[in-house]
Protein backbone atom coordinates (compact mmCIF):
# COMPACT_ATOMS: atom_id res chain seq x y z
CA UNK A 1 -114.39 -27.31 -46.63
CA UNK A 2 -114.54 -23.95 -44.79
CA UNK A 3 -114.30 -21.32 -47.61
CA UNK A 4 -114.85 -17.99 -45.85
CA UNK A 5 -115.75 -16.03 -42.33
CA UNK A 6 -116.68 -12.51 -42.41
CA UNK A 7 -117.23 -10.72 -38.76
CA UNK A 8 -119.14 -7.48 -38.56
CA UNK A 9 -118.74 -5.90 -34.85
CA UNK A 10 -117.68 -9.16 -33.42
CA UNK A 11 -114.18 -9.71 -31.89
CA UNK A 12 -111.27 -7.33 -31.98
CA UNK A 13 -112.27 -5.24 -35.16
CA UNK A 14 -115.44 -3.67 -36.52
CA UNK A 15 -114.58 -5.83 -39.56
CA UNK A 16 -112.56 -8.77 -40.27
CA UNK A 17 -112.76 -11.11 -43.59
CA UNK A 18 -110.59 -14.22 -44.32
CA UNK A 19 -110.85 -16.80 -46.87
CA UNK A 20 -109.29 -20.03 -46.19
CA UNK A 21 -107.17 -22.26 -48.26
CA UNK A 22 -108.83 -25.63 -49.47
CA UNK A 23 -105.72 -27.54 -47.84
CA UNK A 24 -103.67 -25.43 -45.38
CA UNK A 25 -104.35 -22.02 -43.73
CA UNK A 26 -101.95 -20.59 -41.37
CA UNK A 27 -102.74 -17.96 -39.04
CA UNK A 28 -100.14 -15.64 -37.54
CA UNK A 29 -99.93 -12.39 -35.38
CA UNK A 30 -98.84 -11.32 -31.90
CA UNK A 31 -100.67 -12.58 -28.63
CA UNK A 32 -104.09 -10.87 -28.16
CA UNK A 33 -105.25 -9.90 -31.38
CA UNK A 34 -107.71 -12.38 -31.96
CA UNK A 35 -106.33 -15.74 -33.43
CA UNK A 36 -107.67 -18.02 -31.18
CA UNK A 37 -111.00 -16.29 -31.19
CA UNK A 38 -111.12 -16.73 -34.83
CA UNK A 39 -110.79 -20.64 -34.68
CA UNK A 40 -113.70 -20.51 -32.01
CA UNK A 41 -115.85 -18.76 -34.66
CA UNK A 42 -114.62 -21.35 -37.22
CA UNK A 43 -115.78 -24.10 -35.02
CA UNK A 44 -119.05 -22.57 -34.21
CA UNK A 45 -119.79 -21.61 -38.04
CA UNK A 46 -119.06 -25.23 -38.92
CA UNK A 47 -120.82 -27.21 -36.03
CA UNK A 48 -123.37 -24.55 -34.51
CA UNK A 49 -121.77 -25.38 -31.02
CA UNK A 50 -119.48 -23.29 -28.82
CA UNK A 51 -116.24 -24.96 -27.72
CA UNK A 52 -115.75 -22.00 -25.27
CA UNK A 53 -118.03 -19.19 -24.23
CA UNK A 54 -120.19 -17.88 -27.06
CA UNK A 55 -119.16 -15.05 -28.99
CA UNK A 56 -120.77 -11.79 -28.19
CA UNK A 57 -121.03 -8.45 -30.12
CA UNK A 58 -118.15 -5.70 -29.70
CA UNK A 59 -118.64 -3.76 -26.40
CA UNK A 60 -120.59 -0.69 -27.05
CA UNK A 61 -121.70 -1.29 -30.57
CA UNK A 62 -125.23 0.07 -31.69
CA UNK A 63 -124.85 -1.52 -35.21
CA UNK A 64 -125.83 -5.12 -36.08
CA UNK A 65 -123.53 -8.03 -35.35
CA UNK A 66 -123.23 -10.40 -38.03
CA UNK A 67 -121.12 -13.76 -38.66
CA UNK A 68 -121.21 -14.80 -42.14
CA UNK A 69 -119.84 -18.11 -43.43
CA UNK A 70 -119.59 -20.39 -46.28
CA UNK A 71 -118.45 -24.01 -46.44
CA UNK A 72 -118.92 -27.05 -48.78
CA UNK A 73 -121.37 -29.26 -47.01
CA UNK A 74 -121.25 -33.09 -47.84
CA UNK A 75 -123.87 -32.53 -50.58
CA UNK A 76 -123.66 -28.68 -51.79
CA UNK A 77 -122.09 -25.30 -50.72
CA UNK A 78 -123.55 -23.27 -47.85
CA UNK A 79 -123.52 -19.65 -47.26
CA UNK A 80 -125.25 -18.29 -44.21
CA UNK A 81 -125.28 -14.85 -42.56
CA UNK A 82 -126.06 -15.17 -38.86
CA UNK A 83 -127.12 -11.90 -36.70
CA UNK A 84 -127.03 -11.64 -33.00
CA UNK A 85 -130.21 -11.31 -31.65
CA UNK A 86 -130.47 -9.16 -28.29
CA UNK A 87 -133.55 -10.34 -26.95
CA UNK A 88 -132.68 -14.05 -26.94
CA UNK A 89 -129.07 -13.51 -26.59
CA UNK A 90 -128.34 -15.92 -29.15
CA UNK A 91 -127.28 -16.02 -33.07
CA UNK A 92 -129.72 -16.42 -35.27
CA UNK A 93 -129.78 -19.51 -37.47
CA UNK A 94 -131.82 -20.67 -40.51
CA UNK A 95 -134.61 -22.85 -39.79
CA UNK A 96 -134.30 -26.76 -40.18
CA UNK A 97 -131.18 -28.72 -39.65
CA UNK A 98 -127.89 -27.40 -40.55
CA UNK A 99 -125.72 -28.64 -43.27
CA UNK A 100 -122.93 -31.00 -42.27
CA UNK A 101 -119.43 -29.98 -43.04
CA UNK A 102 -117.92 -33.39 -42.70
CA UNK A 103 -115.78 -34.39 -39.50
CA UNK A 104 -114.32 -31.35 -37.65
CA UNK A 105 -111.75 -31.62 -34.95
CA UNK A 106 -110.55 -28.74 -32.87
CA UNK A 107 -107.54 -28.85 -30.72
CA UNK A 108 -106.89 -26.14 -28.18
CA UNK A 109 -103.87 -25.10 -26.72
CA UNK A 110 -104.54 -25.96 -23.36
CA UNK A 111 -104.85 -29.69 -23.96
CA UNK A 112 -108.75 -29.57 -24.61
CA UNK A 113 -110.40 -31.00 -27.77
CA UNK A 114 -113.70 -30.71 -29.39
CA UNK A 115 -114.87 -33.31 -31.86
CA UNK A 116 -118.04 -32.95 -34.36
CA UNK A 117 -118.90 -36.35 -36.00
CA UNK A 118 -121.47 -36.26 -38.85
CA UNK A 119 -122.73 -39.82 -38.14
CA UNK A 120 -123.09 -39.47 -34.45
CA UNK A 121 -123.77 -35.58 -33.83
CA UNK A 122 -126.00 -35.13 -36.71
CA UNK A 123 -129.55 -36.35 -37.52
CA UNK A 124 -132.78 -35.48 -39.34
CA UNK A 125 -135.29 -33.73 -37.47
CA UNK A 126 -138.69 -35.79 -37.78
CA UNK A 127 -140.54 -34.21 -35.08
CA UNK A 128 -143.39 -32.81 -37.38
CA UNK A 129 -143.86 -36.53 -38.67
CA UNK A 130 -144.33 -37.87 -35.38
CA UNK A 131 -140.75 -39.32 -35.06
CA UNK A 132 -138.54 -38.71 -31.99
CA UNK A 133 -135.25 -37.22 -32.46
CA UNK A 134 -132.43 -39.25 -30.78
CA UNK A 135 -130.86 -37.27 -27.87
CA UNK A 136 -127.47 -37.40 -28.93
CA UNK A 137 -124.66 -34.98 -27.75
CA UNK A 138 -124.15 -31.64 -29.96
CA UNK A 139 -120.44 -32.26 -30.08
CA UNK A 140 -117.89 -34.10 -27.97
CA UNK A 141 -116.13 -31.47 -25.76
CA UNK A 142 -113.11 -33.02 -23.95
CA UNK A 143 -111.44 -31.06 -21.04
CA UNK A 144 -107.59 -31.99 -21.18
CA UNK A 145 -108.16 -34.55 -18.35
CA UNK A 146 -111.12 -36.16 -20.01
CA UNK A 147 -109.17 -36.89 -23.31
CA UNK A 148 -107.02 -39.23 -20.86
CA UNK A 149 -109.55 -40.21 -18.17
CA UNK A 150 -112.90 -40.54 -20.23
CA UNK A 151 -115.88 -38.30 -21.11
CA UNK A 152 -119.17 -38.96 -19.21
CA UNK A 153 -122.50 -37.03 -19.17
CA UNK A 154 -125.58 -37.23 -17.01
CA UNK A 155 -128.56 -39.17 -19.14
CA UNK A 156 -130.74 -36.48 -20.51
CA UNK A 157 -133.91 -38.39 -19.47
CA UNK A 158 -132.72 -39.67 -16.34
CA UNK A 159 -130.41 -37.79 -14.07
CA UNK A 160 -129.49 -40.94 -12.08
CA UNK A 161 -127.81 -42.42 -14.88
CA UNK A 162 -124.44 -41.72 -16.34
CA UNK A 163 -123.64 -42.33 -19.92
CA UNK A 164 -120.08 -42.90 -21.00
CA UNK A 165 -119.51 -41.13 -23.99
CA UNK A 166 -115.59 -42.06 -24.51
CA UNK A 167 -113.41 -44.20 -22.03
CA UNK A 168 -110.48 -42.08 -22.75
CA UNK A 169 -106.80 -42.56 -24.00
CA UNK A 170 -105.61 -44.80 -21.23
CA UNK A 171 -108.33 -47.27 -21.20
CA UNK A 172 -108.93 -47.44 -24.77
CA UNK A 173 -105.31 -47.61 -25.63
CA UNK A 174 -104.73 -50.44 -23.33
CA UNK A 175 -107.92 -52.25 -24.70
CA UNK A 176 -106.92 -51.75 -28.20
CA UNK A 177 -103.60 -53.28 -27.52
CA UNK A 178 -104.72 -56.40 -25.96
CA UNK A 179 -106.95 -56.84 -29.01
CA UNK A 180 -104.35 -56.38 -31.63
CA UNK A 181 -107.11 -55.17 -33.91
CA UNK A 182 -107.81 -52.28 -36.41
CA UNK A 183 -107.89 -49.73 -33.78
CA UNK A 184 -104.27 -50.29 -32.17
CA UNK A 185 -102.88 -50.65 -36.00
CA UNK A 186 -104.34 -47.30 -36.74
CA UNK A 187 -102.95 -45.76 -33.34
CA UNK A 188 -99.33 -47.23 -34.19
CA UNK A 189 -99.77 -45.75 -37.93
CA UNK A 190 -100.88 -42.27 -36.64
CA UNK A 191 -98.00 -42.07 -33.94
CA UNK A 192 -95.32 -43.13 -36.48
CA UNK A 193 -96.90 -40.55 -38.98
CA UNK A 194 -96.82 -37.87 -36.48
CA UNK A 195 -93.32 -38.73 -35.10
CA UNK A 196 -90.44 -36.01 -34.78
CA UNK A 197 -87.86 -37.34 -37.09
CA UNK A 198 -87.32 -40.57 -39.23
CA UNK A 199 -85.08 -41.99 -36.54
CA UNK A 200 -87.02 -40.90 -33.57
CA UNK A 201 -90.35 -43.10 -34.11
CA UNK A 202 -93.27 -43.01 -31.71
CA UNK A 203 -94.13 -46.63 -30.93
CA UNK A 204 -96.28 -48.13 -28.30
CA UNK A 205 -94.33 -50.08 -25.61
CA UNK A 206 -95.95 -52.83 -23.32
CA UNK A 207 -98.77 -52.09 -20.93
CA UNK A 208 -97.65 -51.53 -17.16
CA UNK A 209 -98.77 -50.44 -13.76
CA UNK A 210 -97.54 -47.08 -12.28
CA UNK A 211 -99.43 -47.24 -8.78
CA UNK A 212 -100.83 -49.67 -6.19
CA UNK A 213 -103.63 -47.42 -6.28
CA UNK A 214 -104.50 -47.20 -10.00
CA UNK A 215 -105.73 -50.54 -11.15
CA UNK A 216 -105.54 -49.54 -14.97
CA UNK A 217 -103.10 -51.06 -17.48
CA UNK A 218 -101.04 -48.24 -18.55
CA UNK A 219 -99.74 -47.48 -22.05
CA UNK A 220 -96.08 -46.97 -22.48
CA UNK A 221 -93.92 -45.13 -25.28
CA UNK A 222 -90.81 -46.49 -26.44
CA UNK A 223 -88.09 -44.06 -26.18
CA UNK A 224 -85.02 -43.55 -28.45
CA UNK A 225 -82.79 -44.30 -25.67
CA UNK A 226 -84.26 -47.78 -25.27
CA UNK A 227 -86.61 -47.40 -22.27
CA UNK A 228 -90.36 -47.53 -21.95
CA UNK A 229 -91.93 -44.77 -20.37
CA UNK A 230 -95.62 -44.69 -19.15
CA UNK A 231 -97.53 -42.48 -21.51
CA UNK A 232 -98.71 -40.29 -18.49
CA UNK A 233 -95.00 -39.63 -17.56
CA UNK A 234 -94.02 -38.78 -21.14
CA UNK A 235 -92.97 -35.20 -22.15
CA UNK A 236 -95.49 -32.49 -22.61
CA UNK A 237 -94.87 -32.62 -26.33
CA UNK A 238 -95.41 -36.44 -26.69
CA UNK A 239 -98.33 -36.29 -24.61
CA UNK A 240 -100.00 -33.54 -26.78
CA UNK A 241 -99.16 -35.69 -29.84
CA UNK A 242 -100.37 -38.96 -28.33
CA UNK A 243 -103.61 -37.22 -27.44
CA UNK A 244 -104.12 -35.92 -30.90
CA UNK A 245 -103.33 -39.30 -32.49
CA UNK A 246 -105.73 -41.17 -30.19
CA UNK A 247 -108.73 -38.57 -30.71
CA UNK A 248 -108.14 -38.99 -34.43
CA UNK A 249 -108.26 -42.87 -34.12
CA UNK A 250 -110.94 -42.88 -31.58
CA UNK A 251 -113.25 -40.52 -33.89
CA UNK A 252 -112.74 -42.46 -36.87
CA UNK A 253 -113.32 -45.58 -35.49
CA UNK A 254 -116.55 -44.47 -34.01
CA UNK A 255 -117.45 -42.77 -36.91
CA UNK A 256 -117.07 -45.64 -38.95
CA UNK A 257 -119.14 -47.91 -36.78
CA UNK A 258 -121.93 -45.34 -36.78
CA UNK A 259 -121.95 -44.95 -40.55
CA UNK A 260 -122.26 -48.83 -40.86
CA UNK A 261 -125.25 -48.87 -38.41
CA UNK A 262 -126.67 -45.85 -40.44
CA UNK A 263 -126.24 -47.65 -43.69
CA UNK A 264 -124.15 -44.74 -45.11
CA UNK A 265 -120.41 -43.88 -46.30
CA UNK A 266 -117.98 -42.77 -44.16
CA UNK A 267 -117.21 -38.97 -44.56
CA UNK A 268 -114.67 -37.83 -47.06
CA UNK A 269 -113.94 -34.36 -45.64
CA UNK A 270 -112.12 -33.68 -42.56
CA UNK A 271 -111.18 -30.08 -40.92
CA UNK A 272 -108.68 -29.65 -38.45
CA UNK A 273 -108.59 -26.55 -36.25
CA UNK A 274 -105.55 -26.43 -34.38
CA UNK A 275 -104.20 -23.73 -31.91
CA UNK A 276 -100.61 -23.26 -31.73
CA UNK A 277 -99.71 -26.67 -33.80
CA UNK A 278 -96.14 -26.27 -32.42
CA UNK A 279 -96.89 -26.05 -28.79
CA UNK A 280 -94.16 -27.82 -26.72
CA UNK A 281 -92.58 -29.24 -29.86
CA UNK A 282 -88.91 -28.99 -30.55
CA UNK A 283 -87.82 -27.14 -33.69
CA UNK A 284 -86.98 -30.47 -35.33
CA UNK A 285 -90.48 -31.63 -34.66
CA UNK A 286 -91.92 -28.39 -35.83
CA UNK A 287 -90.35 -28.78 -39.24
CA UNK A 288 -92.34 -31.96 -39.64
CA UNK A 289 -95.57 -31.66 -37.51
CA UNK A 290 -97.73 -29.81 -40.33
CA UNK A 291 -96.88 -31.85 -43.27
CA UNK A 292 -97.20 -35.05 -41.18
CA UNK A 293 -100.79 -33.96 -40.26
CA UNK A 294 -101.72 -33.42 -43.77
CA UNK A 295 -101.17 -37.13 -44.52
CA UNK A 296 -102.24 -38.70 -41.30
CA UNK A 297 -105.78 -39.14 -41.94
CA UNK A 298 -105.14 -41.11 -45.42
CA UNK A 299 -102.61 -43.19 -43.36
CA UNK A 300 -105.08 -44.01 -40.68
CA UNK A 301 -108.17 -44.62 -42.97
CA UNK A 302 -106.15 -46.17 -45.88
CA UNK A 303 -108.14 -44.02 -48.19
CA UNK A 304 -106.70 -41.64 -50.93
CA UNK A 305 -109.98 -39.60 -51.60
CA UNK A 306 -110.33 -37.96 -48.11
CA UNK A 307 -110.15 -34.31 -48.37
CA UNK A 308 -108.15 -32.58 -45.29
CA UNK A 309 -108.17 -29.02 -44.52
CA UNK A 310 -105.70 -27.68 -41.72
CA UNK A 311 -106.57 -24.24 -40.25
CA UNK A 312 -103.96 -23.57 -37.70
CA UNK A 313 -102.45 -20.82 -35.48
CA UNK A 314 -98.72 -20.65 -35.20
CA UNK A 315 -96.12 -18.51 -33.75
CA UNK A 316 -93.15 -20.70 -35.26
CA UNK A 317 -90.95 -19.58 -37.90
CA UNK A 318 -89.58 -22.74 -38.31
CA UNK A 319 -92.88 -24.06 -39.06
CA UNK A 320 -93.30 -21.58 -41.83
CA UNK A 321 -89.84 -22.46 -43.30
CA UNK A 322 -90.86 -25.96 -43.41
CA UNK A 323 -93.76 -25.17 -45.75
CA UNK A 324 -91.42 -23.29 -48.32
CA UNK A 325 -91.02 -26.55 -50.33
CA UNK A 326 -94.87 -27.55 -50.62
CA UNK A 327 -96.62 -24.19 -50.14
CA UNK A 328 -99.23 -23.78 -53.11
CA UNK A 329 -100.88 -20.46 -53.47
CA UNK A 330 -103.95 -22.53 -55.11
CA UNK A 331 -104.48 -24.67 -52.05
CA UNK A 332 -102.80 -22.76 -49.08
CA UNK A 333 -103.04 -19.43 -47.50
CA UNK A 334 -100.91 -17.37 -44.88
CA UNK A 335 -102.94 -14.78 -42.80
CA UNK A 336 -101.47 -12.14 -40.40
CA UNK A 337 -103.20 -10.33 -37.57
CA UNK A 338 -101.46 -6.91 -37.10
CA UNK A 339 -101.98 -3.43 -35.23
CA UNK A 340 -102.23 -0.43 -37.48
CA UNK A 341 -102.67 3.06 -36.80
CA UNK A 342 -106.39 4.37 -36.83
CA UNK A 343 -108.02 7.67 -35.48
CA UNK A 344 -106.02 8.20 -32.51
CA UNK A 345 -105.70 4.82 -31.71
CA UNK A 346 -104.54 1.40 -33.12
CA UNK A 347 -106.83 -0.98 -34.75
CA UNK A 348 -106.45 -5.03 -35.36
CA UNK A 349 -106.09 -5.81 -39.12
CA UNK A 350 -106.25 -9.14 -40.74
CA UNK A 351 -104.48 -9.45 -44.13
CA UNK A 352 -103.26 -12.13 -46.53
CA UNK A 353 -99.78 -12.32 -46.92
CA UNK A 354 -98.57 -12.69 -50.76
CA UNK A 355 -96.46 -15.95 -50.05
CA UNK A 356 -93.09 -15.91 -50.99
CA UNK A 357 -89.92 -17.98 -49.78
CA UNK A 358 -88.18 -16.00 -47.05
CA UNK A 359 -85.39 -18.58 -46.27
CA UNK A 360 -84.27 -19.79 -43.02
CA UNK A 361 -86.22 -19.50 -39.75
CA UNK A 362 -84.15 -16.34 -38.86
CA UNK A 363 -85.28 -14.70 -42.04
CA UNK A 364 -88.87 -15.43 -41.35
CA UNK A 365 -88.38 -13.91 -37.91
CA UNK A 366 -87.04 -10.57 -39.55
CA UNK A 367 -89.85 -10.56 -42.02
CA UNK A 368 -92.93 -8.49 -41.85
CA UNK A 369 -94.95 -11.83 -40.54
CA UNK A 370 -92.93 -11.76 -37.05
CA UNK A 371 -91.77 -8.10 -37.19
CA UNK A 372 -88.65 -8.84 -35.32
CA UNK A 373 -85.70 -6.24 -36.15
CA UNK A 374 -83.16 -9.03 -35.70
CA UNK A 375 -83.12 -12.62 -34.85
CA UNK A 376 -81.09 -11.93 -31.93
CA UNK A 377 -81.19 -10.92 -28.18
CA UNK A 378 -82.72 -7.53 -27.40
CA UNK A 379 -79.13 -6.04 -26.46
CA UNK A 380 -77.72 -7.30 -29.73
CA UNK A 381 -80.54 -5.64 -31.58
CA UNK A 382 -80.22 -2.30 -29.66
CA UNK A 383 -76.37 -2.30 -30.25
CA UNK A 384 -76.71 -3.50 -34.07
CA UNK A 385 -79.37 -0.47 -34.72
CA UNK A 386 -77.12 2.02 -33.19
CA UNK A 387 -74.21 0.66 -35.24
CA UNK A 388 -76.46 1.03 -38.20
CA UNK A 389 -77.37 4.49 -37.66
CA UNK A 390 -73.70 5.56 -37.01
CA UNK A 391 -72.77 4.08 -40.33
CA UNK A 392 -75.68 5.94 -42.28
CA UNK A 393 -74.59 9.15 -40.54
CA UNK A 394 -71.10 8.37 -41.89
CA UNK A 395 -70.12 9.59 -38.47
CA UNK A 396 -66.41 9.51 -37.25
CA UNK A 397 -66.75 10.40 -33.81
CA UNK A 398 -64.21 8.00 -32.23
CA UNK A 399 -65.89 8.04 -28.65
CA UNK A 400 -69.25 7.15 -29.96
CA UNK A 401 -67.78 4.48 -32.30
CA UNK A 402 -66.10 2.99 -29.23
CA UNK A 403 -69.19 2.90 -27.34
CA UNK A 404 -71.15 1.19 -29.93
CA UNK A 405 -67.93 -1.02 -30.49
CA UNK A 406 -68.14 -2.09 -26.89
CA UNK A 407 -71.83 -2.89 -26.87
CA UNK A 408 -71.52 -5.06 -29.70
CA UNK A 409 -68.70 -7.16 -28.30
CA UNK A 410 -70.84 -7.56 -25.23
CA UNK A 411 -73.99 -8.68 -26.87
CA UNK A 412 -72.75 -10.76 -29.75
CA UNK A 413 -70.15 -13.62 -30.45
CA UNK A 414 -66.91 -12.96 -32.61
CA UNK A 415 -68.14 -14.82 -35.51
CA UNK A 416 -71.56 -13.08 -35.93
CA UNK A 417 -72.07 -12.14 -39.63
CA UNK A 418 -72.52 -8.37 -38.65
CA UNK A 419 -69.15 -8.04 -37.63
CA UNK A 420 -67.97 -8.28 -41.46
CA UNK A 421 -70.08 -5.10 -42.52
CA UNK A 422 -69.18 -3.51 -39.31
CA UNK A 423 -65.31 -3.66 -39.46
CA UNK A 424 -65.07 -3.08 -43.29
CA UNK A 425 -66.75 0.11 -42.98
CA UNK A 426 -64.79 1.12 -39.74
CA UNK A 427 -61.53 0.28 -41.51
CA UNK A 428 -62.69 2.10 -44.41
CA UNK A 429 -63.40 5.32 -42.55
CA UNK A 430 -60.18 4.97 -40.69
CA UNK A 431 -61.60 4.10 -37.12
CA UNK A 432 -59.98 0.42 -37.08
CA UNK A 433 -56.47 -0.12 -38.16
CA UNK A 434 -55.58 -3.48 -39.95
CA UNK A 435 -53.59 -5.44 -37.31
CA UNK A 436 -49.82 -5.44 -37.93
CA UNK A 437 -48.29 -8.70 -39.41
CA UNK A 438 -45.95 -10.18 -36.97
CA UNK A 439 -42.44 -10.76 -37.89
């Protein structure tokens, strides 16, 4: 499990430090403050590969740029600082092979995925003993289209040859469904576990063809309204969850096979890095997705001893509200990126929230986590702010009262809870009269 990251002169601030919960870490904050960047650094610290462009020191910094990290490998705790070397333009690492963190999956918001498998992307270095190191991929880096259509690479020793690293969701799903073996059973289990609601279960339908020009058997998904829809024609939300379910099963299947060939046990550690876990999902699905993800690997592997750590960026108040019954301060953490006043400018700050229950999603929106004055429209927020200021001044200016009253009527429904306080105060001040009873 990943325990800690510390960035010095790297990223949006001179210093960023974060401790991760062993089970779930939630990262929130406004756009552009470094949330996705932090996931990129976490991926690199665990795998020593970059999912995107390598991180570079802060522009103009003359001081040392350092990334420090600590995690539990499969054999021992690991702690290591890595300094940027300007001459080689790389981050220095210790000599020898890095420690293995277990299985790591990184789901990016654009539909791309990164996978690091301790059985297939990790091996002992034996060159000094005269034994060649196998030329395996450093990690599996999928663009969004490659998740669906397959991942290939040029053979490192023969440029004329192409190696197929992964068949892709469409071909593998169809093949697994025809075989009716463990892979298809695991895929069905993953889809069911990650379903949006108890009555809207994701389940595979029959195979079909979608074009005269596409000879592939196309998987379908059973829809709650009784139709089967080709998976490539499903909604963005279903496609994202289907891709996640597929890669979980593909990674576990290939890992189990590789572990058997290597005569070793399968990993008992899995780390999920997920950027905007709620992307495309309806609020009802947002309320279930994180808790479902916490259970999906145990459901797939049918093992109770797999330690799963989820580190996710979120902008969803519904997702945070959904964690209130299960959040454990000993296992989970909520971190917030924020802008704070600096010396003539604003600085990025990362701080851990002292978790407490806020209540419903609107209460989370109004909390310091999201910093919205009101969980309403901009017009309603402006009108309510003016009304509260008017009330605090205890003003009885009739013309100003009427202007504010008109703005409230135009921006809010008649049953908004704010009307109770506003009208009660106005009646007390004599700005409103109680309606006369009809005879």
